[in-house]
Protein backbone atom coordinates (compact mmCIF):
# COMPACT_ATOMS: atom_id res chain seq x y z
CA MET A 1 32.29 1.20 -19.71
CA ASN A 2 35.59 0.55 -17.90
CA GLY A 3 34.42 -1.48 -14.90
CA VAL A 4 36.20 -2.19 -11.62
CA ARG A 5 38.84 -4.88 -11.10
CA VAL A 6 37.91 -7.43 -8.40
CA GLY A 7 40.61 -10.06 -8.15
CA ASN A 8 41.21 -11.31 -11.69
CA ARG A 9 37.87 -10.09 -13.02
CA MET A 10 36.54 -6.80 -14.37
CA ILE A 11 33.11 -6.06 -12.89
CA GLY A 12 30.69 -3.63 -14.50
CA THR A 13 32.00 -3.56 -18.09
CA GLN A 14 28.56 -4.44 -19.52
CA SER A 15 26.20 -2.76 -17.05
CA PRO A 16 26.63 -0.42 -14.06
CA VAL A 17 27.63 -2.17 -10.83
CA THR A 18 28.64 -0.36 -7.64
CA VAL A 19 31.57 -2.17 -6.00
CA GLY A 20 32.54 -1.67 -2.35
CA TRP A 21 30.40 -0.94 0.72
CA GLU A 22 31.91 2.54 1.00
CA ASN A 23 30.26 3.45 -2.33
CA ILE A 24 26.75 2.23 -1.46
CA PRO A 25 24.19 4.88 -0.37
CA ARG A 26 22.88 4.71 3.18
CA VAL A 27 19.44 5.40 4.63
CA GLN A 28 19.09 9.10 5.32
CA GLY A 29 16.84 10.76 7.89
CA GLY A 30 16.46 11.40 11.58
CA PRO A 31 17.94 9.34 14.44
CA PHE A 32 14.87 7.10 14.79
CA LYS A 33 14.76 6.23 11.08
CA GLN A 34 18.46 5.43 10.98
CA PHE A 35 18.19 3.37 14.18
CA PHE A 36 15.21 1.44 12.79
CA PHE A 37 16.85 0.55 9.48
CA THR A 38 20.13 -0.33 11.20
CA TRP A 39 18.78 -2.69 13.85
CA PHE A 40 15.56 -4.03 12.27
CA GLN A 41 17.28 -7.10 10.76
CA PRO A 42 19.27 -8.16 13.87
CA THR A 43 16.24 -7.57 16.12
CA VAL A 44 14.03 -9.80 13.98
CA LEU A 45 16.70 -12.52 13.81
CA PHE A 46 17.37 -12.67 17.55
CA GLY A 47 13.67 -12.24 18.33
CA LEU A 48 12.70 -15.25 16.20
CA ILE A 49 15.51 -17.35 17.65
CA ALA A 50 14.36 -16.50 21.20
CA PHE A 51 10.73 -17.28 20.31
CA TRP A 52 11.45 -20.72 18.89
CA TYR A 53 13.93 -21.53 21.66
CA TYR A 54 11.52 -20.77 24.50
CA ALA A 55 8.08 -21.34 22.91
CA PRO A 56 6.01 -24.08 24.56
CA ASN A 57 5.50 -27.28 22.60
CA SER A 58 1.83 -26.44 22.13
CA ILE A 59 2.70 -23.65 19.67
CA ALA A 60 6.16 -24.72 18.49
CA LYS A 61 4.92 -26.45 15.34
CA ALA A 62 5.07 -26.10 11.56
CA SER A 63 1.69 -24.36 11.26
CA THR A 64 2.93 -21.59 13.56
CA ALA A 65 6.07 -21.22 11.43
CA ILE A 66 3.97 -20.88 8.27
CA GLY A 67 1.79 -18.22 9.89
CA ILE A 68 4.81 -16.24 11.09
CA GLY A 69 6.39 -16.52 7.66
CA ILE A 70 3.30 -15.17 5.88
CA GLY A 71 2.88 -12.35 8.39
CA PHE A 72 6.54 -11.36 8.12
CA ARG A 73 6.39 -11.21 4.33
CA VAL A 74 3.25 -9.05 4.47
CA LEU A 75 5.15 -6.66 6.78
CA LEU A 76 8.07 -6.55 4.31
CA LEU A 77 5.63 -5.87 1.44
CA ILE A 78 4.33 -2.86 3.36
CA MET A 79 7.90 -1.68 3.95
CA GLU A 80 8.61 -2.01 0.21
CA TRP A 81 5.64 0.22 -0.52
CA ALA A 82 6.56 2.80 2.15
CA PHE A 83 10.37 2.81 1.83
CA PRO A 84 11.44 1.68 -1.66
CA ARG A 85 15.16 1.29 -2.32
CA HIS A 86 14.74 2.02 -6.04
CA GLU A 87 11.65 3.58 -7.63
CA SER A 88 12.35 1.45 -10.72
CA TRP A 89 11.72 -1.67 -8.60
CA ASN A 90 8.30 -0.57 -7.33
CA LEU A 91 5.69 -3.31 -7.56
CA THR A 92 3.06 -3.08 -10.28
CA TRP A 93 -0.09 -5.17 -10.27
CA LYS A 94 1.36 -7.31 -13.05
CA GLU A 95 4.54 -7.97 -11.05
CA LEU A 96 2.57 -8.69 -7.87
CA VAL A 97 0.19 -11.15 -9.54
CA THR A 98 3.11 -12.95 -11.19
CA ASP A 99 4.95 -13.22 -7.88
CA LEU A 100 1.88 -14.54 -6.06
CA PHE A 101 1.30 -17.12 -8.81
CA TYR A 102 4.74 -18.58 -8.13
CA VAL A 103 4.29 -18.40 -4.35
CA GLY A 104 1.08 -20.42 -4.75
CA LEU A 105 2.89 -22.87 -7.03
CA GLY A 106 5.55 -23.40 -4.36
CA TYR A 107 3.00 -24.06 -1.61
CA THR A 108 0.95 -26.52 -3.68
CA ILE A 109 2.23 -28.44 -6.73
CA LEU A 110 5.97 -28.13 -6.03
CA ARG A 111 5.46 -29.18 -2.41
CA MET A 112 3.52 -32.25 -3.55
CA VAL A 113 6.21 -33.18 -6.09
CA ASP A 114 8.92 -32.72 -3.47
CA GLY A 115 7.12 -35.17 -1.22
CA TYR A 116 7.46 -37.92 -3.85
CA ILE A 117 10.79 -37.24 -5.59
CA GLY A 118 12.47 -34.58 -3.43
CA ASP A 119 15.57 -34.92 -1.27
CA GLY A 120 13.66 -36.84 1.43
CA PRO A 121 12.69 -39.85 -0.74
CA ILE A 122 16.06 -39.76 -2.54
CA ILE A 123 18.03 -39.82 0.72
CA GLU A 124 15.80 -42.58 2.12
CA GLY A 125 16.45 -44.65 -1.01
CA ILE A 126 20.23 -44.17 -0.70
CA GLN A 127 20.15 -45.15 2.98
CA ASN A 128 18.13 -48.28 2.24
CA TYR A 129 20.49 -49.25 -0.59
CA PHE A 130 23.59 -48.96 1.56
CA HIS A 131 21.82 -50.20 4.72
CA SER A 132 22.96 -47.07 6.54
CA GLU A 133 21.36 -45.05 9.32
CA LYS A 134 21.22 -41.32 9.97
CA PHE A 135 23.95 -39.59 11.93
CA THR A 136 21.94 -39.69 15.16
CA TRP A 137 24.73 -38.27 17.35
CA PHE A 138 23.82 -34.78 16.10
CA THR A 139 20.82 -34.81 18.47
CA GLY A 140 23.22 -34.70 21.41
CA MET A 141 24.59 -31.28 20.44
CA PRO A 142 23.22 -28.02 21.93
CA LEU A 143 19.97 -26.95 20.31
CA LEU A 144 21.34 -23.75 18.75
CA VAL A 145 24.32 -25.66 17.34
CA GLN A 146 21.93 -28.13 15.73
CA ALA A 147 19.92 -25.26 14.24
CA PHE A 148 23.05 -23.67 12.79
CA MET A 149 24.21 -27.02 11.39
CA ILE A 150 20.88 -27.59 9.63
CA SER A 151 20.98 -24.10 8.17
CA PHE A 152 24.65 -24.24 7.18
CA ILE A 153 24.53 -27.75 5.64
CA PHE A 154 21.57 -26.76 3.48
CA ASP A 155 23.14 -23.45 2.43
CA PHE A 156 26.49 -25.10 1.68
CA GLY A 157 24.72 -27.54 -0.65
CA GLN A 158 22.72 -24.71 -2.19
CA TYR A 159 25.93 -22.78 -2.85
CA TRP A 160 27.37 -25.60 -4.96
CA MET A 161 24.07 -26.32 -6.71
CA HIS A 162 23.67 -22.62 -7.53
CA ARG A 163 27.28 -22.32 -8.68
CA GLY A 164 26.84 -25.43 -10.82
CA MET A 165 23.78 -23.84 -12.44
CA HIS A 166 25.99 -21.00 -13.64
CA ASN A 167 28.75 -23.25 -14.93
CA TRP A 168 26.99 -26.25 -16.54
CA TYR A 169 24.67 -25.48 -19.46
CA PRO A 170 21.99 -28.17 -18.75
CA LEU A 171 21.54 -26.70 -15.24
CA TRP A 172 21.81 -23.12 -16.50
CA LEU A 173 18.80 -23.55 -18.80
CA PRO A 174 16.18 -23.87 -16.02
CA HIS A 175 18.03 -21.42 -13.73
CA SER A 176 18.38 -18.73 -16.42
CA VAL A 177 14.63 -18.04 -16.18
CA HIS A 178 15.12 -16.62 -12.68
CA HIS A 179 17.76 -14.25 -14.06
CA TYR A 180 15.24 -12.63 -16.38
CA ILE A 181 13.58 -10.85 -13.43
CA THR A 182 14.18 -7.11 -13.79
CA GLN A 183 13.62 -6.01 -10.19
CA LEU A 184 13.88 -7.37 -6.67
CA ASN A 185 10.72 -7.68 -4.57
CA ILE A 186 9.99 -9.74 -1.48
CA ASN A 187 8.49 -12.71 -3.36
CA LYS A 188 10.84 -12.72 -6.36
CA GLY A 189 12.75 -15.67 -4.88
CA ALA A 190 9.77 -17.84 -5.81
CA VAL A 191 9.86 -16.80 -9.47
CA GLY A 192 11.49 -19.30 -11.80
CA ASN A 193 11.02 -22.42 -13.87
CA PRO A 194 9.61 -25.30 -11.74
CA VAL A 195 12.59 -27.52 -12.63
CA GLU A 196 14.99 -24.95 -11.18
CA LEU A 197 12.83 -24.35 -8.12
CA PHE A 198 12.83 -28.10 -7.46
CA LEU A 199 16.60 -28.47 -7.91
CA ILE A 200 17.52 -25.48 -5.76
CA GLY A 201 15.45 -26.94 -2.93
CA LEU A 202 17.39 -30.22 -2.78
CA GLY A 203 19.65 -30.71 0.23
CA VAL A 204 21.63 -33.32 2.12
CA GLY A 205 20.31 -32.44 5.57
CA GLY A 206 18.16 -35.56 5.57
CA PHE A 207 21.25 -37.69 6.14
CA PHE A 208 21.49 -36.22 9.63
CA ASP A 209 19.13 -36.58 12.56
CA PHE A 210 18.19 -33.36 14.39
CA LEU A 211 15.58 -32.44 16.97
CA PRO A 212 12.32 -31.02 15.51
CA ARG A 213 12.80 -27.82 17.53
CA ALA A 214 16.21 -27.36 15.86
CA ALA A 215 14.57 -27.55 12.44
CA LEU A 216 12.13 -24.81 13.45
CA LEU A 217 15.03 -22.66 14.67
CA ALA A 218 16.88 -23.23 11.39
CA GLY A 219 13.78 -22.17 9.49
CA ALA A 220 13.61 -19.00 11.59
CA ILE A 221 17.23 -18.19 10.68
CA GLY A 222 16.44 -18.71 7.00
CA LEU A 223 13.35 -16.51 7.24
CA ALA A 224 15.12 -13.71 9.12
CA VAL A 225 18.12 -13.63 6.77
CA GLY A 226 17.16 -15.08 3.39
CA SER A 227 13.99 -12.99 3.09
CA TYR A 228 16.04 -9.86 2.41
CA GLN A 229 17.73 -11.25 -0.72
CA HIS A 230 14.83 -10.13 -2.86
CA ILE A 231 13.47 -6.93 -1.32
CA ASN A 232 13.09 -3.35 -2.49
CA VAL A 233 14.09 -1.80 0.85
CA ARG A 234 17.42 -0.28 1.84
CA PHE A 235 18.91 -1.12 5.24
CA ASN A 236 21.95 0.26 7.03
CA SER A 237 23.00 -3.29 7.87
CA PRO A 238 25.71 -3.51 10.57
CA ARG A 239 29.17 -4.43 9.27
CA TRP A 240 29.12 -7.86 10.95
CA TRP A 241 25.77 -8.62 9.27
CA ARG A 242 27.14 -7.75 5.82
CA PHE A 243 30.20 -9.91 6.47
CA LEU A 244 28.24 -13.01 7.59
CA PHE A 245 24.95 -12.87 5.71
CA ASN A 246 23.79 -12.46 2.13
CA THR A 247 22.07 -9.10 1.62
CA THR A 248 19.92 -7.38 -0.98
CA GLU A 249 23.06 -5.61 -2.16
CA HIS A 250 24.91 -8.89 -2.70
CA HIS A 251 22.01 -10.46 -4.54
CA SER A 252 21.39 -7.45 -6.76
CA VAL A 253 24.99 -7.82 -8.00
CA HIS A 254 24.25 -11.47 -8.75
CA HIS A 255 21.20 -10.41 -10.80
CA SER A 256 22.86 -7.50 -12.61
CA GLN A 257 23.07 -7.26 -16.40
CA ASP A 258 26.87 -7.57 -16.15
CA PHE A 259 27.96 -11.18 -16.88
CA GLU A 260 31.02 -11.26 -14.62
CA ALA A 261 29.04 -9.80 -11.71
CA THR A 262 26.41 -12.56 -11.97
CA ARG A 263 29.08 -15.18 -11.34
CA SER A 264 29.27 -14.22 -7.67
CA ASN A 265 27.30 -14.32 -4.41
CA TYR A 266 25.82 -17.81 -4.87
CA SER A 267 24.90 -18.57 -1.26
CA ASN A 268 21.39 -18.07 0.02
CA THR A 269 21.99 -17.23 3.69
CA TYR A 270 25.69 -17.18 4.60
CA ILE A 271 27.75 -14.92 2.34
CA PHE A 272 30.87 -16.04 4.21
CA ILE A 273 30.63 -19.26 2.15
CA ASP A 274 31.24 -17.11 -0.94
CA ARG A 275 34.06 -15.38 0.88
CA MET A 276 35.63 -18.79 1.60
CA PHE A 277 35.66 -19.73 -2.09
CA GLY A 278 36.49 -16.32 -3.55
CA THR A 279 33.12 -15.66 -5.19
CA CYS A 280 31.90 -12.78 -3.01
CA ILE A 281 31.51 -9.26 -4.41
CA ASP A 282 30.38 -6.56 -1.99
CA GLY A 283 28.34 -4.00 -3.91
CA GLU A 284 24.96 -3.43 -5.53
CA ALA A 285 23.27 -2.97 -8.90
CA GLU A 286 19.97 -1.44 -9.98
CA LEU A 287 19.79 -2.58 -13.63
CA LEU A 288 18.88 -6.26 -13.47
CA GLY A 289 17.98 -9.03 -15.88
CA MET A 290 19.18 -10.38 -19.21
CA GLU A 291 18.94 -9.31 -22.84
CA GLY A 292 18.88 -5.68 -21.79
CA GLY A 293 16.19 -6.22 -19.16
CA ARG A 294 13.66 -8.15 -21.26
CA ARG A 295 10.78 -9.39 -19.11
CA MET A 296 9.53 -12.96 -19.62
CA SER A 297 5.87 -13.92 -19.53
CA ILE A 298 4.79 -16.81 -17.27
CA ARG A 299 4.25 -18.97 -20.36
CA GLU A 300 7.80 -18.40 -21.57
CA GLN A 301 9.19 -18.97 -18.08
CA MET A 302 7.52 -22.39 -18.04
CA THR A 303 8.74 -23.48 -21.48
CA TYR A 304 12.03 -21.64 -22.01
CA PRO A 305 14.45 -24.35 -20.75
CA PHE A 306 12.87 -26.93 -23.04
CA THR A 307 12.50 -24.78 -26.16
CA GLU A 308 15.98 -23.29 -25.75
CA GLY A 309 17.48 -26.72 -25.05
CA TRP A 310 15.83 -28.18 -28.15
CA LYS A 311 17.09 -25.26 -30.24
CA THR A 312 20.63 -25.80 -28.95
CA LEU A 313 20.50 -29.53 -29.74
CA ARG A 314 19.26 -28.86 -33.26
CA GLU A 315 21.96 -26.27 -33.88
CA ARG A 316 24.75 -28.47 -32.55
CA TYR A 317 23.81 -31.83 -34.00
CA GLY A 318 22.22 -30.36 -37.10
CA ARG A 319 25.51 -28.72 -38.03
CA THR A 320 27.42 -31.92 -37.23
CA ALA A 321 25.15 -34.01 -39.46
CA SER A 322 25.35 -31.42 -42.23
CA ALA A 323 29.15 -31.27 -42.05
CA THR A 324 29.39 -35.08 -42.11
CA ALA A 325 27.13 -35.33 -45.15
CA THR A 326 29.19 -32.70 -46.94
CA ALA A 327 32.48 -34.44 -46.13
CA VAL A 328 31.35 -37.85 -47.50
CA PRO A 329 31.80 -37.88 -51.29
CA ALA A 330 28.83 -39.04 -53.34
CA GLU A 331 29.25 -42.36 -55.16
């Protein structure tokens, strides 16, 4: 397999990867179908922004955001069933139950843990130690600017955390579990080892003070853009959308079975962050996963970082101890 040169790297030498937007298939069909799959994403984004900007205080609250989020994901599940991008990614009952298990884990245990040792308590501890206050002047900025800042600051931190997970072995161990998924579906972003899911959720936004309405707007942006990372639906996304935002195509490259391709497209929402640091690859892949597409059970997903880490320690320090004993002559 020859691959395609992207900068100084060869992409697709280990597994097929389509490189370049001009080589990616587009949605075929009549004018209405093409219009729908071209403008669905922008319409949802601007519609949610308008809703949260103008909604009265009586409904502009977190419970409303949760309800909208659940309803939107149900709609995307229906779209996956009706308009699959790849037949090989179609949901089975086993895949669906696994995904929902991790969604439930995120809404319950992980949320409780985050309340005690997440970025909020950590940031509060740092502020108390240095006797510092939040950057309150952010509340004086226009509401939409605040929303973008919340979203961008979090995604910028996620970019470096995600990139670090691919470049530092102790962080790679918990993150590698997520790379064993063999298909993209709407809830696959929740699948992973709990340690990785906790780490990827850390952010520095708590150092800044924003209006509550701005946080709701930022959440709407994340929902209307980040939801498409893991989805088995093809869109004819406008060129400006593909330039600014992470897409299913970008994320499928990141999850491909080709090693060099996985070291790209680290951002969650804004792909222009990857463009800034030279880690963006425009393209797509269908064959996903690791070890030839081996699927992990939930039990292995929970224990893999610890068992694999212990094995690595034994191999490294076991060999060192053995070599030392061999080098010391017996008396």
